[in-house]
Amino acid sequence: VKFDNSMGCFRRQVLLLAAVVAAHADISSKILGNSKGRLRLLQELLPFRQISRCSDVQRAATTTNGRQRPTLDQLPHMTRRGVGLGLGSVILTQELSGRQGKAGEGPLDQQPVVQKFTKLESGTQIADLTLGNGAEIRDGSRVLLDYVFRRADGYFVESNENKEPFSFIVGKNQAISGLDEAVRGMREGGTRRVVVPIKNSFTCGLAESCPGPIPKDFGARRQVERQMNRNDPYNYFFFEIRAVSVK
């Protein structure tokens, strides 16, 4: 695999990041056979002499067989927008769990994580990560939710990080139908993963009067619009939510 020197810095960084993740996770071992093969792949994707040309990548501090080798700390930050759904799930959990100490009242219930998804009648799927010990969400409950949501391919769309939780009353058409259905049965302090089919999401549109959570950022809104306009009945949005308050 060879790329000419006219390739943009950003693209080279993305290719290098993908290769490093594969090397560290040993995903490519079956194809490349050993660590030397993976190292050669990194060298071909982005020659080390070109690393210094990227303004946000520092010179590698470690060496392997006499060659300088970049470490994960010296690569561009792994933003939420560059992580696939598998890695995204880990980051989503970290984002929400990091806020548990200041969101909601009372500690989270320390019960084992439940990984299995349950498919609801509408097609929405749910899986509890943490079972809360507060009030249970029922029809008519006023709920405050922390949330992160992504496209089906794991691409980050939006979260309420550094924003107020999403507030709505269950059963009053204030939340998209997939979330309105998915939160029922949760308890305050609990976290849950939700797979929302397109048909159960932003079918009303993105006007302020439509069920939320409505993205505010222009880029996030464009992502949602594009996903809604795709002719793919199996498309979905992936949410991870935490019940901050239930009344």
Protein backbone atom coordinates (compact mmCIF):
# COMPACT_ATOMS: atom_id res chain seq x y z
CA VAL A 1 0.00 0.00 0.00
CA LYS A 2 1.53 3.34 -1.05
CA PHE A 3 0.24 6.88 -0.87
CA ASP A 4 1.76 9.89 -2.63
CA ASN A 5 3.08 12.87 -0.69
CA SER A 6 0.17 15.06 -1.80
CA MET A 7 -2.14 13.25 0.63
CA GLY A 8 -3.53 15.69 3.18
CA CYS A 9 -2.16 15.73 6.70
CA PHE A 10 -5.55 14.97 8.18
CA ARG A 11 -6.03 11.89 6.02
CA ARG A 12 -2.57 10.58 6.88
CA GLN A 13 -3.34 11.01 10.58
CA VAL A 14 -6.60 9.10 10.25
CA LEU A 15 -4.88 6.25 8.40
CA LEU A 16 -2.10 6.10 10.98
CA LEU A 17 -4.56 6.15 13.87
CA ALA A 18 -6.54 3.29 12.34
CA ALA A 19 -3.38 1.24 11.87
CA VAL A 20 -2.13 1.89 15.41
CA VAL A 21 -5.47 0.87 16.91
CA ALA A 22 -5.38 -2.31 14.86
CA ALA A 23 -1.81 -3.02 15.93
CA HIS A 24 -2.44 -2.43 19.63
CA ALA A 25 -5.66 -4.44 19.60
CA ASP A 26 -3.92 -7.21 17.64
CA ILE A 27 -6.82 -7.15 15.19
CA SER A 28 -4.54 -7.48 12.19
CA SER A 29 -2.47 -10.38 13.53
CA LYS A 30 -4.24 -13.01 11.44
CA ILE A 31 -3.56 -11.05 8.25
CA LEU A 32 -0.08 -9.73 8.91
CA GLY A 33 1.17 -12.61 11.02
CA ASN A 34 3.36 -10.79 13.53
CA SER A 35 4.34 -7.45 15.03
CA LYS A 36 6.97 -6.82 12.34
CA GLY A 37 4.27 -7.09 9.71
CA ARG A 38 2.12 -4.59 11.57
CA LEU A 39 5.07 -2.23 11.93
CA ARG A 40 5.67 -2.40 8.17
CA LEU A 41 2.02 -1.54 7.60
CA LEU A 42 2.40 1.55 9.77
CA GLN A 43 5.52 2.56 7.89
CA GLU A 44 3.77 2.25 4.54
CA LEU A 45 0.63 4.07 5.64
CA LEU A 46 2.59 7.06 6.90
CA PRO A 47 6.41 7.27 6.62
CA PHE A 48 7.86 8.37 9.93
CA ARG A 49 9.74 11.20 8.28
CA GLN A 50 6.39 12.81 7.43
CA ILE A 51 4.99 12.77 10.96
CA SER A 52 6.60 16.09 11.87
CA ARG A 53 4.73 17.79 9.01
CA CYS A 54 1.44 17.43 10.86
CA SER A 55 1.13 20.34 13.23
CA ASP A 56 -0.59 18.42 16.03
CA VAL A 57 1.59 15.31 16.02
CA GLN A 58 4.83 15.44 18.01
CA ARG A 59 8.00 13.54 17.20
CA ALA A 60 7.88 9.98 18.53
CA ALA A 61 9.80 9.43 21.75
CA THR A 62 10.10 5.64 21.64
CA THR A 63 12.11 3.47 19.27
CA THR A 64 11.68 -0.01 17.87
CA ASN A 65 14.61 -1.73 16.14
CA GLY A 66 16.35 1.60 15.77
CA ARG A 67 13.33 3.32 14.22
CA GLN A 68 11.25 5.99 15.86
CA ARG A 69 7.75 4.73 16.49
CA PRO A 70 4.72 6.90 17.40
CA THR A 71 2.83 6.07 20.55
CA LEU A 72 -0.88 6.59 21.16
CA ASP A 73 -0.06 9.62 23.35
CA GLN A 74 1.68 11.27 20.40
CA LEU A 75 -1.08 10.70 17.91
CA PRO A 76 -3.99 13.09 17.30
CA HIS A 77 -6.59 12.83 20.05
CA MET A 78 -9.04 9.97 19.54
CA THR A 79 -12.15 12.11 19.38
CA ARG A 80 -15.63 10.67 19.68
CA ARG A 81 -16.14 11.33 15.98
CA GLY A 82 -13.38 8.93 15.01
CA VAL A 83 -14.36 5.86 16.97
CA GLY A 84 -16.48 2.97 15.70
CA LEU A 85 -19.48 1.61 17.52
CA GLY A 86 -17.53 -1.09 19.36
CA LEU A 87 -14.97 1.34 20.76
CA GLY A 88 -17.70 3.94 20.97
CA SER A 89 -19.66 1.86 23.46
CA VAL A 90 -16.69 1.85 25.83
CA ILE A 91 -16.26 5.61 25.54
CA LEU A 92 -19.98 6.20 25.96
CA THR A 93 -19.93 4.25 29.20
CA GLN A 94 -16.92 6.22 30.41
CA GLU A 95 -18.54 9.54 29.53
CA LEU A 96 -21.66 8.77 31.50
CA SER A 97 -20.01 6.97 34.42
CA GLY A 98 -17.61 9.88 34.88
CA ARG A 99 -20.55 12.12 35.60
CA GLN A 100 -22.31 9.83 38.07
CA GLY A 101 -20.87 11.58 41.09
CA LYS A 102 -22.52 14.90 40.22
CA ALA A 103 -25.67 13.83 38.37
CA GLY A 104 -28.76 12.66 40.18
CA GLU A 105 -29.34 12.08 43.85
CA GLY A 106 -28.11 9.00 45.64
CA PRO A 107 -25.52 6.40 44.59
CA LEU A 108 -25.92 4.05 41.66
CA ASP A 109 -26.96 0.53 42.49
CA GLN A 110 -23.84 -1.63 42.25
CA GLN A 111 -25.46 -4.57 40.50
CA PRO A 112 -23.83 -6.55 37.67
CA VAL A 113 -23.98 -5.06 34.20
CA VAL A 114 -26.62 -6.66 31.99
CA GLN A 115 -25.38 -6.89 28.40
CA LYS A 116 -28.22 -8.69 26.63
CA PHE A 117 -30.54 -6.56 24.51
CA THR A 118 -34.30 -6.93 24.76
CA LYS A 119 -36.34 -6.11 21.67
CA LEU A 120 -39.52 -4.19 22.37
CA GLU A 121 -42.69 -4.52 20.32
CA SER A 122 -41.91 -1.38 18.30
CA GLY A 123 -38.48 -2.67 17.28
CA THR A 124 -36.54 -0.52 19.75
CA GLN A 125 -33.94 -2.53 21.70
CA ILE A 126 -32.73 -1.89 25.25
CA ALA A 127 -29.96 -3.22 27.49
CA ASP A 128 -29.37 -2.13 31.08
CA LEU A 129 -25.81 -1.21 31.99
CA THR A 130 -26.52 -0.23 35.59
CA LEU A 131 -29.71 -0.76 37.56
CA GLY A 132 -30.62 2.31 39.57
CA ASN A 133 -32.22 2.27 43.01
CA GLY A 134 -34.41 5.36 42.77
CA ALA A 135 -37.94 5.98 41.58
CA GLU A 136 -39.15 3.92 38.62
CA ILE A 137 -40.03 5.63 35.34
CA ARG A 138 -43.67 5.19 34.42
CA ASP A 139 -46.19 6.83 32.13
CA GLY A 140 -46.49 10.44 33.28
CA SER A 141 -43.08 10.55 35.01
CA ARG A 142 -41.02 13.71 34.55
CA VAL A 143 -37.54 12.54 33.60
CA LEU A 144 -34.14 14.20 33.31
CA LEU A 145 -31.77 12.24 31.05
CA ASP A 146 -28.06 12.44 30.41
CA TYR A 147 -27.49 11.08 26.93
CA VAL A 148 -25.00 10.38 24.17
CA PHE A 149 -26.18 9.30 20.75
CA ARG A 150 -24.52 8.06 17.59
CA ARG A 151 -25.30 6.86 14.13
CA ALA A 152 -25.50 3.16 13.38
CA ASP A 153 -21.86 3.20 12.23
CA GLY A 154 -20.75 4.56 15.61
CA TYR A 155 -20.14 8.12 14.42
CA PHE A 156 -20.78 10.60 17.23
CA VAL A 157 -23.80 12.86 16.76
CA GLU A 158 -24.46 14.67 20.03
CA SER A 159 -24.52 14.47 23.81
CA ASN A 160 -25.66 16.77 26.60
CA GLU A 161 -22.12 17.04 27.96
CA ASN A 162 -21.68 20.52 29.47
CA LYS A 163 -25.40 21.07 28.92
CA GLU A 164 -28.55 20.56 30.93
CA PRO A 165 -30.08 17.04 30.91
CA PHE A 166 -32.89 16.39 28.47
CA SER A 167 -36.19 16.95 30.29
CA PHE A 168 -39.51 15.44 29.24
CA ILE A 169 -42.72 13.86 30.52
CA VAL A 170 -43.15 10.22 29.54
CA GLY A 171 -46.17 9.56 27.34
CA LYS A 172 -46.67 13.21 26.32
CA ASN A 173 -44.94 13.06 22.91
CA GLN A 174 -42.07 15.17 24.22
CA ALA A 175 -39.36 12.59 23.45
CA ILE A 176 -38.89 10.60 20.26
CA SER A 177 -41.00 7.47 20.47
CA GLY A 178 -38.01 5.13 20.74
CA LEU A 179 -36.69 6.90 23.84
CA ASP A 180 -40.13 7.47 25.33
CA GLU A 181 -40.68 3.73 25.21
CA ALA A 182 -37.13 2.75 26.19
CA VAL A 183 -36.98 4.67 29.47
CA ARG A 184 -40.03 2.97 30.97
CA GLY A 185 -39.03 0.62 33.76
CA MET A 186 -35.69 2.35 34.39
CA ARG A 187 -35.00 3.63 37.87
CA GLU A 188 -33.36 6.88 38.85
CA GLY A 189 -29.59 6.47 38.64
CA GLY A 190 -29.78 3.65 36.09
CA THR A 191 -28.00 3.63 32.73
CA ARG A 192 -29.27 1.95 29.61
CA ARG A 193 -28.24 1.38 26.00
CA VAL A 194 -30.95 1.93 23.42
CA VAL A 195 -31.05 1.04 19.73
CA VAL A 196 -33.70 3.26 18.13
CA PRO A 197 -34.82 2.36 14.59
CA ILE A 198 -35.18 5.34 12.26
CA LYS A 199 -38.95 4.88 12.24
CA ASN A 200 -38.98 5.48 16.01
CA SER A 201 -36.75 8.55 16.00
CA PHE A 202 -36.95 12.02 14.47
CA THR A 203 -39.91 11.43 12.15
CA CYS A 204 -41.49 14.78 13.11
CA GLY A 205 -38.37 16.68 12.09
CA LEU A 206 -35.99 18.90 14.04
CA ALA A 207 -38.23 21.85 14.86
CA GLU A 208 -38.33 23.01 18.47
CA SER A 209 -41.92 21.78 18.71
CA CYS A 210 -40.94 18.22 17.73
CA PRO A 211 -40.05 15.43 20.18
CA GLY A 212 -36.45 15.56 21.39
CA PRO A 213 -33.70 15.56 22.15
CA ILE A 214 -33.34 18.01 19.23
CA PRO A 215 -29.69 18.61 18.24
CA LYS A 216 -28.65 22.27 18.47
CA ASP A 217 -25.36 22.08 16.60
CA PHE A 218 -25.60 22.55 12.82
CA GLY A 219 -23.34 19.59 12.07
CA ALA A 220 -25.34 17.29 14.34
CA ARG A 221 -28.60 18.41 12.75
CA ARG A 222 -27.22 17.71 9.28
CA GLN A 223 -26.17 14.23 10.36
CA VAL A 224 -29.65 13.44 11.64
CA GLU A 225 -31.28 14.81 8.49
CA ARG A 226 -29.05 12.70 6.26
CA GLN A 227 -29.76 9.55 8.23
CA MET A 228 -33.49 10.22 8.13
CA ASN A 229 -33.34 10.71 4.35
CA ARG A 230 -31.54 7.43 3.69
CA ASN A 231 -33.66 4.73 2.10
CA ASP A 232 -32.63 2.13 4.66
CA PRO A 233 -35.37 0.59 6.83
CA TYR A 234 -32.73 -1.12 8.99
CA ASN A 235 -30.92 2.10 9.88
CA TYR A 236 -30.97 3.22 13.52
CA PHE A 237 -29.54 5.58 16.13
CA PHE A 238 -27.60 4.28 19.13
CA PHE A 239 -28.23 5.99 22.48
CA GLU A 240 -26.72 5.59 25.90
CA ILE A 241 -28.78 7.25 28.61
CA ARG A 242 -28.75 7.82 32.35
CA ALA A 243 -31.82 8.65 34.42
CA VAL A 244 -30.63 11.65 36.42
CA SER A 245 -33.97 12.45 38.01
CA VAL A 246 -37.41 10.80 38.06
CA LYS A 247 -40.47 12.52 39.52
